[in-house]
Amino acid sequence: MSLKFRIPAGEKIIVNGAVITNTSAKAMHFSLENDASIMRERDIMLPDQVTTPLHNVYMQVQMMYIEPQNHAVHYKNFQEAAQMAFLATDDEALRELIFEVVGLVGEKNFYNGLKLLQKVIKE
């Protein structure tokens, strides 16, 4: 089953680590016919946007998702970031969310980990 996308003019996406920019004046439509790691520009966090421990957790999960060839380095950074985020809060709901993300990362379910973090970060 394919996954269909519409990318507005000028927007960037990442597919398996490659940055693709829609350089046309119109929206681009495409479909992915097999498994791929894909992120839309609006979901990508840049290093200068990391301003909280939870942002750092998101960044490290994002890096594992889009750069699987560097998983070991990003996973180590993720473990440190998750520990820092956990220790930085007394909020039990946030601590549970961090544990859930750790579990998803352990299952290499980076996409769902990112979605879970987005809900909290964008509030």
PDB file of N, CA and C in Angstrom:
ATOM      1  N   MET A   1       0.845  -1.175   0.000  1.00  0.00           N
ATOM      2  CA  MET A   1       0.000   0.000   0.000  1.00  0.00           C
ATOM      3  C   MET A   1       0.897   1.247   0.000  1.00  0.00           C
ATOM      4  N   SER A   2       0.602   2.173  -0.890  1.00  0.00           N
ATOM      5  CA  SER A   2       1.444   3.360  -0.988  1.00  0.00           C
ATOM      6  C   SER A   2       0.958   4.457  -0.047  1.00  0.00           C
ATOM      7  N   LEU A   3       1.877   5.350   0.280  1.00  0.00           N
ATOM      8  CA  LEU A   3       1.595   6.499   1.118  1.00  0.00           C
ATOM      9  C   LEU A   3       1.672   7.727   0.224  1.00  0.00           C
ATOM     10  N   LYS A   4       0.577   8.491   0.162  1.00  0.00           N
ATOM     11  CA  LYS A   4       0.514   9.630  -0.751  1.00  0.00           C
ATOM     12  C   LYS A   4       0.757  10.933  -0.008  1.00  0.00           C
ATOM     13  N   PHE A   5       1.513  11.829  -0.648  1.00  0.00           N
ATOM     14  CA  PHE A   5       1.876  13.117  -0.070  1.00  0.00           C
ATOM     15  C   PHE A   5       1.600  14.259  -1.028  1.00  0.00           C
ATOM     16  N   ARG A   6       1.329  15.399  -0.443  1.00  0.00           N
ATOM     17  CA  ARG A   6       1.244  16.662  -1.184  1.00  0.00           C
ATOM     18  C   ARG A   6       2.235  17.602  -0.497  1.00  0.00           C
ATOM     19  N   ILE A   7       3.187  18.080  -1.252  1.00  0.00           N
ATOM     20  CA  ILE A   7       4.215  18.975  -0.718  1.00  0.00           C
ATOM     21  C   ILE A   7       4.029  20.351  -1.358  1.00  0.00           C
ATOM     22  N   PRO A   8       3.695  21.367  -0.566  1.00  0.00           N
ATOM     23  CA  PRO A   8       3.501  22.716  -1.113  1.00  0.00           C
ATOM     24  C   PRO A   8       4.775  23.251  -1.780  1.00  0.00           C
ATOM     25  N   ALA A   9       4.604  24.223  -2.646  1.00  0.00           N
ATOM     26  CA  ALA A   9       5.735  24.852  -3.327  1.00  0.00           C
ATOM     27  C   ALA A   9       6.733  25.375  -2.305  1.00  0.00           C
ATOM     28  N   GLY A  10       8.008  25.090  -2.541  1.00  0.00           N
ATOM     29  CA  GLY A  10       9.067  25.584  -1.673  1.00  0.00           C
ATOM     30  C   GLY A  10       9.309  24.782  -0.410  1.00  0.00           C
ATOM     31  N   GLU A  11       8.439  23.839  -0.087  1.00  0.00           N
ATOM     32  CA  GLU A  11       8.615  23.066   1.153  1.00  0.00           C
ATOM     33  C   GLU A  11       9.653  21.976   0.966  1.00  0.00           C
ATOM     34  N   LYS A  12      10.315  21.626   2.073  1.00  0.00           N
ATOM     35  CA  LYS A  12      11.323  20.567   2.078  1.00  0.00           C
ATOM     36  C   LYS A  12      10.791  19.358   2.823  1.00  0.00           C
ATOM     37  N   ILE A  13      11.268  18.202   2.418  1.00  0.00           N
ATOM     38  CA  ILE A  13      11.007  16.963   3.138  1.00  0.00           C
ATOM     39  C   ILE A  13      12.325  16.197   3.211  1.00  0.00           C
ATOM     40  N   ILE A  14      12.395  15.285   4.140  1.00  0.00           N
ATOM     41  CA  ILE A  14      13.542  14.388   4.225  1.00  0.00           C
ATOM     42  C   ILE A  14      13.022  12.987   3.968  1.00  0.00           C
ATOM     43  N   VAL A  15      13.647  12.293   3.019  1.00  0.00           N
ATOM     44  CA  VAL A  15      13.315  10.907   2.717  1.00  0.00           C
ATOM     45  C   VAL A  15      14.594  10.097   2.850  1.00  0.00           C
ATOM     46  N   ASN A  16      14.599   9.186   3.816  1.00  0.00           N
ATOM     47  CA  ASN A  16      15.780   8.351   4.085  1.00  0.00           C
ATOM     48  C   ASN A  16      17.062   9.171   4.174  1.00  0.00           C
ATOM     49  N   GLY A  17      16.973  10.313   4.839  1.00  0.00           N
ATOM     50  CA  GLY A  17      18.138  11.154   5.077  1.00  0.00           C
ATOM     51  C   GLY A  17      18.434  12.157   3.982  1.00  0.00           C
ATOM     52  N   ALA A  18      17.791  12.047   2.825  1.00  0.00           N
ATOM     53  CA  ALA A  18      18.023  12.988   1.731  1.00  0.00           C
ATOM     54  C   ALA A  18      17.012  14.129   1.819  1.00  0.00           C
ATOM     55  N   VAL A  19      17.507  15.364   1.731  1.00  0.00           N
ATOM     56  CA  VAL A  19      16.629  16.530   1.749  1.00  0.00           C
ATOM     57  C   VAL A  19      16.147  16.773   0.332  1.00  0.00           C
ATOM     58  N   ILE A  20      14.827  16.853   0.189  1.00  0.00           N
ATOM     59  CA  ILE A  20      14.207  17.110  -1.108  1.00  0.00           C
ATOM     60  C   ILE A  20      13.415  18.395  -0.991  1.00  0.00           C
ATOM     61  N   THR A  21      13.642  19.325  -1.923  1.00  0.00           N
ATOM     62  CA  THR A  21      12.934  20.597  -1.936  1.00  0.00           C
ATOM     63  C   THR A  21      12.044  20.657  -3.159  1.00  0.00           C
ATOM     64  N   ASN A  22      10.792  21.036  -2.945  1.00  0.00           N
ATOM     65  CA  ASN A  22       9.894  21.257  -4.071  1.00  0.00           C
ATOM     66  C   ASN A  22      10.231  22.630  -4.645  1.00  0.00           C
ATOM     67  N   THR A  23      10.941  22.655  -5.747  1.00  0.00           N
ATOM     68  CA  THR A  23      11.391  23.908  -6.344  1.00  0.00           C
ATOM     69  C   THR A  23      10.398  24.477  -7.357  1.00  0.00           C
ATOM     70  N   SER A  24       9.291  23.791  -7.570  1.00  0.00           N
ATOM     71  CA  SER A  24       8.302  24.301  -8.520  1.00  0.00           C
ATOM     72  C   SER A  24       7.411  25.337  -7.849  1.00  0.00           C
ATOM     73  N   ALA A  25       6.658  26.037  -8.655  1.00  0.00           N
ATOM     74  CA  ALA A  25       5.726  27.041  -8.141  1.00  0.00           C
ATOM     75  C   ALA A  25       4.404  26.399  -7.711  1.00  0.00           C
ATOM     76  N   LYS A  26       4.267  25.117  -7.956  1.00  0.00           N
ATOM     77  CA  LYS A  26       3.037  24.396  -7.616  1.00  0.00           C
ATOM     78  C   LYS A  26       3.332  23.303  -6.597  1.00  0.00           C
ATOM     79  N   ALA A  27       2.271  22.839  -5.983  1.00  0.00           N
ATOM     80  CA  ALA A  27       2.406  21.709  -5.061  1.00  0.00           C
ATOM     81  C   ALA A  27       2.844  20.476  -5.840  1.00  0.00           C
ATOM     82  N   MET A  28       3.600  19.639  -5.166  1.00  0.00           N
ATOM     83  CA  MET A  28       4.089  18.405  -5.757  1.00  0.00           C
ATOM     84  C   MET A  28       3.329  17.251  -5.103  1.00  0.00           C
ATOM     85  N   HIS A  29       2.900  16.316  -5.895  1.00  0.00           N
ATOM     86  CA  HIS A  29       2.214  15.128  -5.385  1.00  0.00           C
ATOM     87  C   HIS A  29       3.085  13.921  -5.695  1.00  0.00           C
ATOM     88  N   PHE A  30       3.248  13.060  -4.702  1.00  0.00           N
ATOM     89  CA  PHE A  30       3.988  11.828  -4.940  1.00  0.00           C
ATOM     90  C   PHE A  30       3.505  10.768  -3.986  1.00  0.00           C
ATOM     91  N   SER A  31       3.876   9.546  -4.278  1.00  0.00           N
ATOM     92  CA  SER A  31       3.531   8.450  -3.372  1.00  0.00           C
ATOM     93  C   SER A  31       4.781   7.607  -3.134  1.00  0.00           C
ATOM     94  N   LEU A  32       4.888   7.118  -1.915  1.00  0.00           N
ATOM     95  CA  LEU A  32       5.963   6.203  -1.548  1.00  0.00           C
ATOM     96  C   LEU A  32       5.411   4.791  -1.674  1.00  0.00           C
ATOM     97  N   GLU A  33       6.108   3.972  -2.402  1.00  0.00           N
ATOM     98  CA  GLU A  33       5.619   2.627  -2.679  1.00  0.00           C
ATOM     99  C   GLU A  33       6.222   1.567  -1.751  1.00  0.00           C
ATOM    100  N   ASN A  34       7.203   1.963  -0.932  1.00  0.00           N
ATOM    101  CA  ASN A  34       7.800   1.012   0.008  1.00  0.00           C
ATOM    102  C   ASN A  34       8.153   1.738   1.299  1.00  0.00           C
ATOM    103  N   ASP A  35       8.732   1.010   2.257  1.00  0.00           N
ATOM    104  CA  ASP A  35       9.101   1.602   3.548  1.00  0.00           C
ATOM    105  C   ASP A  35      10.186   2.652   3.374  1.00  0.00           C
ATOM    106  N   ALA A  36      10.003   3.785   4.018  1.00  0.00           N
ATOM    107  CA  ALA A  36      11.002   4.852   3.993  1.00  0.00           C
ATOM    108  C   ALA A  36      10.797   5.729   5.219  1.00  0.00           C
ATOM    109  N   SER A  37      11.879   6.341   5.678  1.00  0.00           N
ATOM    110  CA  SER A  37      11.794   7.326   6.757  1.00  0.00           C
ATOM    111  C   SER A  37      11.560   8.683   6.106  1.00  0.00           C
ATOM    112  N   ILE A  38      10.443   9.307   6.450  1.00  0.00           N
ATOM    113  CA  ILE A  38      10.093  10.577   5.829  1.00  0.00           C
ATOM    114  C   ILE A  38       9.663  11.578   6.893  1.00  0.00           C
ATOM    115  N   MET A  39      10.128  12.802   6.745  1.00  0.00           N
ATOM    116  CA  MET A  39       9.725  13.884   7.656  1.00  0.00           C
ATOM    117  C   MET A  39       9.407  15.113   6.827  1.00  0.00           C
ATOM    118  N   ARG A  40       8.299  15.742   7.160  1.00  0.00           N
ATOM    119  CA  ARG A  40       7.932  17.000   6.521  1.00  0.00           C
ATOM    120  C   ARG A  40       8.672  18.139   7.212  1.00  0.00           C
ATOM    121  N   GLU A  41       8.869  19.220   6.493  1.00  0.00           N
ATOM    122  CA  GLU A  41       9.610  20.365   7.024  1.00  0.00           C
ATOM    123  C   GLU A  41       9.037  20.852   8.346  1.00  0.00           C
ATOM    124  N   ARG A  42       7.724  20.873   8.470  1.00  0.00           N
ATOM    125  CA  ARG A  42       7.102  21.382   9.697  1.00  0.00           C
ATOM    126  C   ARG A  42       7.377  20.509  10.919  1.00  0.00           C
ATOM    127  N   ASP A  43       7.795  19.267  10.708  1.00  0.00           N
ATOM    128  CA  ASP A  43       8.088  18.351  11.810  1.00  0.00           C
ATOM    129  C   ASP A  43       9.572  18.268  12.146  1.00  0.00           C
ATOM    130  N   ILE A  44      10.415  18.876  11.314  1.00  0.00           N
ATOM    131  CA  ILE A  44      11.861  18.801  11.502  1.00  0.00           C
ATOM    132  C   ILE A  44      12.299  19.853  12.515  1.00  0.00           C
ATOM    133  N   MET A  45      13.079  19.423  13.483  1.00  0.00           N
ATOM    134  CA  MET A  45      13.654  20.350  14.455  1.00  0.00           C
ATOM    135  C   MET A  45      15.113  20.575  14.083  1.00  0.00           C
ATOM    136  N   LEU A  46      15.494  21.832  14.001  1.00  0.00           N
ATOM    137  CA  LEU A  46      16.873  22.195  13.706  1.00  0.00           C
ATOM    138  C   LEU A  46      17.641  22.372  15.014  1.00  0.00           C
ATOM    139  N   PRO A  47      18.955  22.181  14.982  1.00  0.00           N
ATOM    140  CA  PRO A  47      19.744  22.279  16.227  1.00  0.00           C
ATOM    141  C   PRO A  47      19.535  23.581  16.997  1.00  0.00           C
ATOM    142  N   ASP A  48      19.353  24.697  16.307  1.00  0.00           N
ATOM    143  CA  ASP A  48      19.172  25.969  17.018  1.00  0.00           C
ATOM    144  C   ASP A  48      17.794  26.103  17.665  1.00  0.00           C
ATOM    145  N   GLN A  49      16.898  25.147  17.399  1.00  0.00           N
ATOM    146  CA  GLN A  49      15.570  25.156  18.010  1.00  0.00           C
ATOM    147  C   GLN A  49      15.534  24.344  19.308  1.00  0.00           C
ATOM    148  N   VAL A  50      16.624  23.690  19.637  1.00  0.00           N
ATOM    149  CA  VAL A  50      16.696  22.888  20.861  1.00  0.00           C
ATOM    150  C   VAL A  50      16.937  23.836  22.029  1.00  0.00           C
ATOM    151  N   THR A  51      15.856  24.111  22.772  1.00  0.00           N
ATOM    152  CA  THR A  51      15.944  25.061  23.885  1.00  0.00           C
ATOM    153  C   THR A  51      15.564  24.443  25.230  1.00  0.00           C
ATOM    154  N   THR A  52      15.087  23.209  25.224  1.00  0.00           N
ATOM    155  CA  THR A  52      14.703  22.532  26.464  1.00  0.00           C
ATOM    156  C   THR A  52      15.216  21.095  26.434  1.00  0.00           C
ATOM    157  N   PRO A  53      15.288  20.450  27.588  1.00  0.00           N
ATOM    158  CA  PRO A  53      15.686  19.038  27.599  1.00  0.00           C
ATOM    159  C   PRO A  53      14.765  18.160  26.739  1.00  0.00           C
ATOM    160  N   LEU A  54      13.476  18.464  26.723  1.00  0.00           N
ATOM    161  CA  LEU A  54      12.542  17.674  25.913  1.00  0.00           C
ATOM    162  C   LEU A  54      12.784  17.890  24.420  1.00  0.00           C
ATOM    163  N   HIS A  55      13.142  19.107  24.033  1.00  0.00           N
ATOM    164  CA  HIS A  55      13.513  19.364  22.645  1.00  0.00           C
ATOM    165  C   HIS A  55      14.720  18.506  22.254  1.00  0.00           C
ATOM    166  N   ASN A  56      15.669  18.370  23.170  1.00  0.00           N
ATOM    167  CA  ASN A  56      16.848  17.562  22.886  1.00  0.00           C
ATOM    168  C   ASN A  56      16.468  16.092  22.696  1.00  0.00           C
ATOM    169  N   VAL A  57      15.524  15.607  23.479  1.00  0.00           N
ATOM    170  CA  VAL A  57      15.039  14.237  23.295  1.00  0.00           C
ATOM    171  C   VAL A  57      14.469  14.103  21.878  1.00  0.00           C
ATOM    172  N   TYR A  58      13.629  15.053  21.479  1.00  0.00           N
ATOM    173  CA  TYR A  58      13.033  15.036  20.135  1.00  0.00           C
ATOM    174  C   TYR A  58      14.137  15.016  19.075  1.00  0.00           C
ATOM    175  N   MET A  59      15.129  15.884  19.228  1.00  0.00           N
ATOM    176  CA  MET A  59      16.215  15.976  18.250  1.00  0.00           C
ATOM    177  C   MET A  59      16.936  14.642  18.095  1.00  0.00           C
ATOM    178  N   GLN A  60      17.200  13.978  19.209  1.00  0.00           N
ATOM    179  CA  GLN A  60      17.929  12.709  19.145  1.00  0.00           C
ATOM    180  C   GLN A  60      17.083  11.598  18.516  1.00  0.00           C
ATOM    181  N   VAL A  61      15.787  11.574  18.801  1.00  0.00           N
ATOM    182  CA  VAL A  61      14.908  10.587  18.160  1.00  0.00           C
ATOM    183  C   VAL A  61      14.848  10.883  16.655  1.00  0.00           C
ATOM    184  N   GLN A  62      14.727  12.147  16.322  1.00  0.00           N
ATOM    185  CA  GLN A  62      14.705  12.562  14.909  1.00  0.00           C
ATOM    186  C   GLN A  62      15.969  12.087  14.192  1.00  0.00           C
ATOM    187  N   MET A  63      17.106  12.268  14.818  1.00  0.00           N
ATOM    188  CA  MET A  63      18.366  11.873  14.191  1.00  0.00           C
ATOM    189  C   MET A  63      18.450  10.356  14.005  1.00  0.00           C
ATOM    190  N   MET A  64      17.963   9.586  14.972  1.00  0.00           N
ATOM    191  CA  MET A  64      17.948   8.126  14.801  1.00  0.00           C
ATOM    192  C   MET A  64      17.042   7.742  13.643  1.00  0.00           C
ATOM    193  N   TYR A  65      15.951   8.482  13.477  1.00  0.00           N
ATOM    194  CA  TYR A  65      14.979   8.195  12.423  1.00  0.00           C
ATOM    195  C   TYR A  65      15.540   8.511  11.045  1.00  0.00           C
ATOM    196  N   ILE A  66      16.193   9.666  10.899  1.00  0.00           N
ATOM    197  CA  ILE A  66      16.640  10.068   9.557  1.00  0.00           C
ATOM    198  C   ILE A  66      18.080   9.674   9.239  1.00  0.00           C
ATOM    199  N   GLU A  67      18.850   9.273  10.244  1.00  0.00           N
ATOM    200  CA  GLU A  67      20.229   8.830  10.023  1.00  0.00           C
ATOM    201  C   GLU A  67      20.474   7.477  10.678  1.00  0.00           C
ATOM    202  N   PRO A  68      19.822   6.435  10.197  1.00  0.00           N
ATOM    203  CA  PRO A  68      19.985   5.123  10.840  1.00  0.00           C
ATOM    204  C   PRO A  68      21.420   4.604  10.788  1.00  0.00           C
ATOM    205  N   GLN A  69      22.205   5.075   9.836  1.00  0.00           N
ATOM    206  CA  GLN A  69      23.597   4.622   9.740  1.00  0.00           C
ATOM    207  C   GLN A  69      24.428   5.112  10.922  1.00  0.00           C
ATOM    208  N   ASN A  70      23.964   6.129  11.637  1.00  0.00           N
ATOM    209  CA  ASN A  70      24.662   6.648  12.820  1.00  0.00           C
ATOM    210  C   ASN A  70      23.876   6.359  14.101  1.00  0.00           C
ATOM    211  N   HIS A  71      23.135   5.274  14.090  1.00  0.00           N
ATOM    212  CA  HIS A  71      22.247   4.941  15.204  1.00  0.00           C
ATOM    213  C   HIS A  71      22.976   4.894  16.553  1.00  0.00           C
ATOM    214  N   ALA A  72      24.124   4.274  16.605  1.00  0.00           N
ATOM    215  CA  ALA A  72      24.825   4.094  17.889  1.00  0.00           C
ATOM    216  C   ALA A  72      25.136   5.432  18.547  1.00  0.00           C
ATOM    217  N   VAL A  73      25.623   6.385  17.775  1.00  0.00           N
ATOM    218  CA  VAL A  73      25.949   7.712  18.318  1.00  0.00           C
ATOM    219  C   VAL A  73      24.673   8.419  18.762  1.00  0.00           C
ATOM    220  N   HIS A  74      23.655   8.401  17.923  1.00  0.00           N
ATOM    221  CA  HIS A  74      22.410   9.090  18.258  1.00  0.00           C
ATOM    222  C   HIS A  74      21.698   8.417  19.435  1.00  0.00           C
ATOM    223  N   TYR A  75      21.797   7.101  19.527  1.00  0.00           N
ATOM    224  CA  TYR A  75      21.150   6.396  20.631  1.00  0.00           C
ATOM    225  C   TYR A  75      21.802   6.772  21.963  1.00  0.00           C
ATOM    226  N   LYS A  76      23.118   6.862  21.978  1.00  0.00           N
ATOM    227  CA  LYS A  76      23.825   7.281  23.196  1.00  0.00           C
ATOM    228  C   LYS A  76      23.392   8.700  23.581  1.00  0.00           C
ATOM    229  N   ASN A  77      23.328   9.594  22.605  1.00  0.00           N
ATOM    230  CA  ASN A  77      22.879  10.969  22.862  1.00  0.00           C
ATOM    231  C   ASN A  77      21.429  10.990  23.340  1.00  0.00           C
ATOM    232  N   PHE A  78      20.608  10.105  22.764  1.00  0.00           N
ATOM    233  CA  PHE A  78      19.209  10.002  23.183  1.00  0.00           C
ATOM    234  C   PHE A  78      19.100   9.576  24.642  1.00  0.00           C
ATOM    235  N   GLN A  79      19.872   8.567  25.032  1.00  0.00           N
ATOM    236  CA  GLN A  79      19.825   8.088  26.416  1.00  0.00           C
ATOM    237  C   GLN A  79      20.169   9.215  27.390  1.00  0.00           C
ATOM    238  N   GLU A  80      21.201   9.968  27.069  1.00  0.00           N
ATOM    239  CA  GLU A  80      21.596  11.093  27.920  1.00  0.00           C
ATOM    240  C   GLU A  80      20.510  12.166  27.946  1.00  0.00           C
ATOM    241  N   ALA A  81      19.935  12.464  26.787  1.00  0.00           N
ATOM    242  CA  ALA A  81      18.894  13.489  26.701  1.00  0.00           C
ATOM    243  C   ALA A  81      17.644  13.067  27.471  1.00  0.00           C
ATOM    244  N   ALA A  82      17.258  11.798  27.344  1.00  0.00           N
ATOM    245  CA  ALA A  82      16.068  11.302  28.055  1.00  0.00           C
ATOM    246  C   ALA A  82      16.282  11.363  29.568  1.00  0.00           C
ATOM    247  N   GLN A  83      17.466  11.006  30.008  1.00  0.00           N
ATOM    248  CA  GLN A  83      17.774  11.073  31.443  1.00  0.00           C
ATOM    249  C   GLN A  83      17.712  12.516  31.935  1.00  0.00           C
ATOM    250  N   MET A  84      18.288  13.439  31.179  1.00  0.00           N
ATOM    251  CA  MET A  84      18.277  14.859  31.565  1.00  0.00           C
ATOM    252  C   MET A  84      16.842  15.399  31.600  1.00  0.00           C
ATOM    253  N   ALA A  85      16.042  15.039  30.611  1.00  0.00           N
ATOM    254  CA  ALA A  85      14.653  15.508  30.563  1.00  0.00           C
ATOM    255  C   ALA A  85      13.864  14.946  31.737  1.00  0.00           C
ATOM    256  N   PHE A  86      14.097  13.681  32.063  1.00  0.00           N
ATOM    257  CA  PHE A  86      13.405  13.046  33.184  1.00  0.00           C
ATOM    258  C   PHE A  86      13.762  13.750  34.496  1.00  0.00           C
ATOM    259  N   LEU A  87      15.040  14.016  34.687  1.00  0.00           N
ATOM    260  CA  LEU A  87      15.501  14.646  35.931  1.00  0.00           C
ATOM    261  C   LEU A  87      15.125  16.126  36.013  1.00  0.00           C
ATOM    262  N   ALA A  88      14.844  16.740  34.868  1.00  0.00           N
ATOM    263  CA  ALA A  88      14.538  18.177  34.832  1.00  0.00           C
ATOM    264  C   ALA A  88      13.095  18.498  35.207  1.00  0.00           C
ATOM    265  N   THR A  89      12.264  17.469  35.371  1.00  0.00           N
ATOM    266  CA  THR A  89      10.856  17.722  35.675  1.00  0.00           C
ATOM    267  C   THR A  89      10.375  16.887  36.852  1.00  0.00           C
ATOM    268  N   ASP A  90       9.385  17.441  37.559  1.00  0.00           N
ATOM    269  CA  ASP A  90       8.692  16.690  38.610  1.00  0.00           C
ATOM    270  C   ASP A  90       7.300  16.275  38.136  1.00  0.00           C
ATOM    271  N   ASP A  91       6.946  16.676  36.936  1.00  0.00           N
ATOM    272  CA  ASP A  91       5.631  16.388  36.358  1.00  0.00           C
ATOM    273  C   ASP A  91       5.547  14.897  36.015  1.00  0.00           C
ATOM    274  N   GLU A  92       4.685  14.175  36.742  1.00  0.00           N
ATOM    275  CA  GLU A  92       4.571  12.723  36.550  1.00  0.00           C
ATOM    276  C   GLU A  92       4.101  12.362  35.144  1.00  0.00           C
ATOM    277  N   ALA A  93       3.189  13.136  34.574  1.00  0.00           N
ATOM    278  CA  ALA A  93       2.700  12.850  33.220  1.00  0.00           C
ATOM    279  C   ALA A  93       3.840  12.980  32.202  1.00  0.00           C
ATOM    280  N   LEU A  94       4.668  13.984  32.381  1.00  0.00           N
ATOM    281  CA  LEU A  94       5.801  14.178  31.479  1.00  0.00           C
ATOM    282  C   LEU A  94       6.836  13.067  31.659  1.00  0.00           C
ATOM    283  N   ARG A  95       7.044  12.649  32.885  1.00  0.00           N
ATOM    284  CA  ARG A  95       7.974  11.546  33.137  1.00  0.00           C
ATOM    285  C   ARG A  95       7.457  10.253  32.489  1.00  0.00           C
ATOM    286  N   GLU A  96       6.156  10.019  32.576  1.00  0.00           N
ATOM    287  CA  GLU A  96       5.572   8.831  31.939  1.00  0.00           C
ATOM    288  C   GLU A  96       5.734   8.893  30.429  1.00  0.00           C
ATOM    289  N   LEU A  97       5.561  10.091  29.866  1.00  0.00           N
ATOM    290  CA  LEU A  97       5.733  10.271  28.428  1.00  0.00           C
ATOM    291  C   LEU A  97       7.176   9.945  28.031  1.00  0.00           C
ATOM    292  N   ILE A  98       8.139  10.401  28.804  1.00  0.00           N
ATOM    293  CA  ILE A  98       9.548  10.113  28.512  1.00  0.00           C
ATOM    294  C   ILE A  98       9.795   8.611  28.552  1.00  0.00           C
ATOM    295  N   PHE A  99       9.228   7.918  29.560  1.00  0.00           N
ATOM    296  CA  PHE A  99       9.354   6.460  29.625  1.00  0.00           C
ATOM    297  C   PHE A  99       8.737   5.802  28.392  1.00  0.00           C
ATOM    298  N   GLU A 100       7.596   6.311  27.964  1.00  0.00           N
ATOM    299  CA  GLU A 100       6.936   5.746  26.783  1.00  0.00           C
ATOM    300  C   GLU A 100       7.798   5.942  25.541  1.00  0.00           C
ATOM    301  N   VAL A 101       8.396   7.117  25.407  1.00  0.00           N
ATOM    302  CA  VAL A 101       9.275   7.384  24.265  1.00  0.00           C
ATOM    303  C   VAL A 101      10.491   6.458  24.317  1.00  0.00           C
ATOM    304  N   VAL A 102      11.059   6.256  25.499  1.00  0.00           N
ATOM    305  CA  VAL A 102      12.193   5.340  25.647  1.00  0.00           C
ATOM    306  C   VAL A 102      11.789   3.945  25.169  1.00  0.00           C
ATOM    307  N   GLY A 103      10.598   3.500  25.527  1.00  0.00           N
ATOM    308  CA  GLY A 103      10.110   2.200  25.076  1.00  0.00           C
ATOM    309  C   GLY A 103       9.953   2.131  23.569  1.00  0.00           C
ATOM    310  N   LEU A 104       9.394   3.188  22.981  1.00  0.00           N
ATOM    311  CA  LEU A 104       9.228   3.220  21.519  1.00  0.00           C
ATOM    312  C   LEU A 104      10.575   3.203  20.812  1.00  0.00           C
ATOM    313  N   VAL A 105      11.524   3.952  21.342  1.00  0.00           N
ATOM    314  CA  VAL A 105      12.867   3.960  20.756  1.00  0.00           C
ATOM    315  C   VAL A 105      13.498   2.573  20.877  1.00  0.00           C
ATOM    316  N   GLY A 106      13.286   1.924  22.007  1.00  0.00           N
ATOM    317  CA  GLY A 106      13.792   0.563  22.185  1.00  0.00           C
ATOM    318  C   GLY A 106      13.245  -0.403  21.149  1.00  0.00           C
ATOM    319  N   GLU A 107      12.031  -0.138  20.689  1.00  0.00           N
ATOM    320  CA  GLU A 107      11.401  -0.952  19.638  1.00  0.00           C
ATOM    321  C   GLU A 107      11.748  -0.429  18.249  1.00  0.00           C
ATOM    322  N   LYS A 108      12.576   0.608  18.181  1.00  0.00           N
ATOM    323  CA  LYS A 108      12.946   1.300  16.934  1.00  0.00           C
ATOM    324  C   LYS A 108      11.726   1.875  16.227  1.00  0.00           C
ATOM    325  N   ASN A 109      10.761   2.286  17.026  1.00  0.00           N
ATOM    326  CA  ASN A 109       9.550   2.922  16.502  1.00  0.00           C
ATOM    327  C   ASN A 109       9.712   4.438  16.665  1.00  0.00           C
ATOM    328  N   PHE A 110      10.651   4.978  15.915  1.00  0.00           N
ATOM    329  CA  PHE A 110      11.012   6.390  16.042  1.00  0.00           C
ATOM    330  C   PHE A 110       9.874   7.319  15.629  1.00  0.00           C
ATOM    331  N   TYR A 111       9.163   6.938  14.583  1.00  0.00           N
ATOM    332  CA  TYR A 111       8.077   7.775  14.085  1.00  0.00           C
ATOM    333  C   TYR A 111       7.033   8.031  15.175  1.00  0.00           C
ATOM    334  N   ASN A 112       6.591   6.988  15.861  1.00  0.00           N
ATOM    335  CA  ASN A 112       5.587   7.165  16.912  1.00  0.00           C
ATOM    336  C   ASN A 112       6.156   7.899  18.118  1.00  0.00           C
ATOM    337  N   GLY A 113       7.451   7.715  18.387  1.00  0.00           N
ATOM    338  CA  GLY A 113       8.101   8.478  19.448  1.00  0.00           C
ATOM    339  C   GLY A 113       8.086   9.971  19.133  1.00  0.00           C
ATOM    340  N   LEU A 114       8.365  10.310  17.883  1.00  0.00           N
ATOM    341  CA  LEU A 114       8.338  11.717  17.464  1.00  0.00           C
ATOM    342  C   LEU A 114       6.931  12.290  17.579  1.00  0.00           C
ATOM    343  N   LYS A 115       5.945  11.540  17.136  1.00  0.00           N
ATOM    344  CA  LYS A 115       4.552  12.017  17.205  1.00  0.00           C
ATOM    345  C   LYS A 115       4.129  12.260  18.648  1.00  0.00           C
ATOM    346  N   LEU A 116       4.509  11.370  19.536  1.00  0.00           N
ATOM    347  CA  LEU A 116       4.180  11.522  20.956  1.00  0.00           C
ATOM    348  C   LEU A 116       4.828  12.787  21.520  1.00  0.00           C
ATOM    349  N   LEU A 117       6.077  13.008  21.205  1.00  0.00           N
ATOM    350  CA  LEU A 117       6.782  14.200  21.675  1.00  0.00           C
ATOM    351  C   LEU A 117       6.206  15.481  21.074  1.00  0.00           C
ATOM    352  N   GLN A 118       5.789  15.427  19.821  1.00  0.00           N
ATOM    353  CA  GLN A 118       5.213  16.614  19.165  1.00  0.00           C
ATOM    354  C   GLN A 118       3.992  17.119  19.916  1.00  0.00           C
ATOM    355  N   LYS A 119       3.179  16.223  20.406  1.00  0.00           N
ATOM    356  CA  LYS A 119       1.979  16.626  21.121  1.00  0.00           C
ATOM    357  C   LYS A 119       2.300  17.501  22.332  1.00  0.00           C
ATOM    358  N   VAL A 120       3.380  17.167  23.029  1.00  0.00           N
ATOM    359  CA  VAL A 120       3.763  17.897  24.228  1.00  0.00           C
ATOM    360  C   VAL A 120       4.547  19.155  23.872  1.00  0.00           C
ATOM    361  N   ILE A 121       5.439  19.057  22.919  1.00  0.00           N
ATOM    362  CA  ILE A 121       6.288  20.194  22.548  1.00  0.00           C
ATOM    363  C   ILE A 121       5.470  21.327  21.936  1.00  0.00           C
ATOM    364  N   LYS A 122       4.461  20.992  21.151  1.00  0.00           N
ATOM    365  CA  LYS A 122       3.682  22.016  20.454  1.00  0.00           C
ATOM    366  C   LYS A 122       2.565  22.618  21.279  1.00  0.00           C
ATOM    367  N   GLU A 123       2.403  22.162  22.513  1.00  0.00           N
ATOM    368  CA  GLU A 123       1.338  22.709  23.388  1.00  0.00           C
ATOM    369  C   GLU A 123       1.702  24.091  23.879  1.00  0.00           C
TER     370      GLU A 123
END
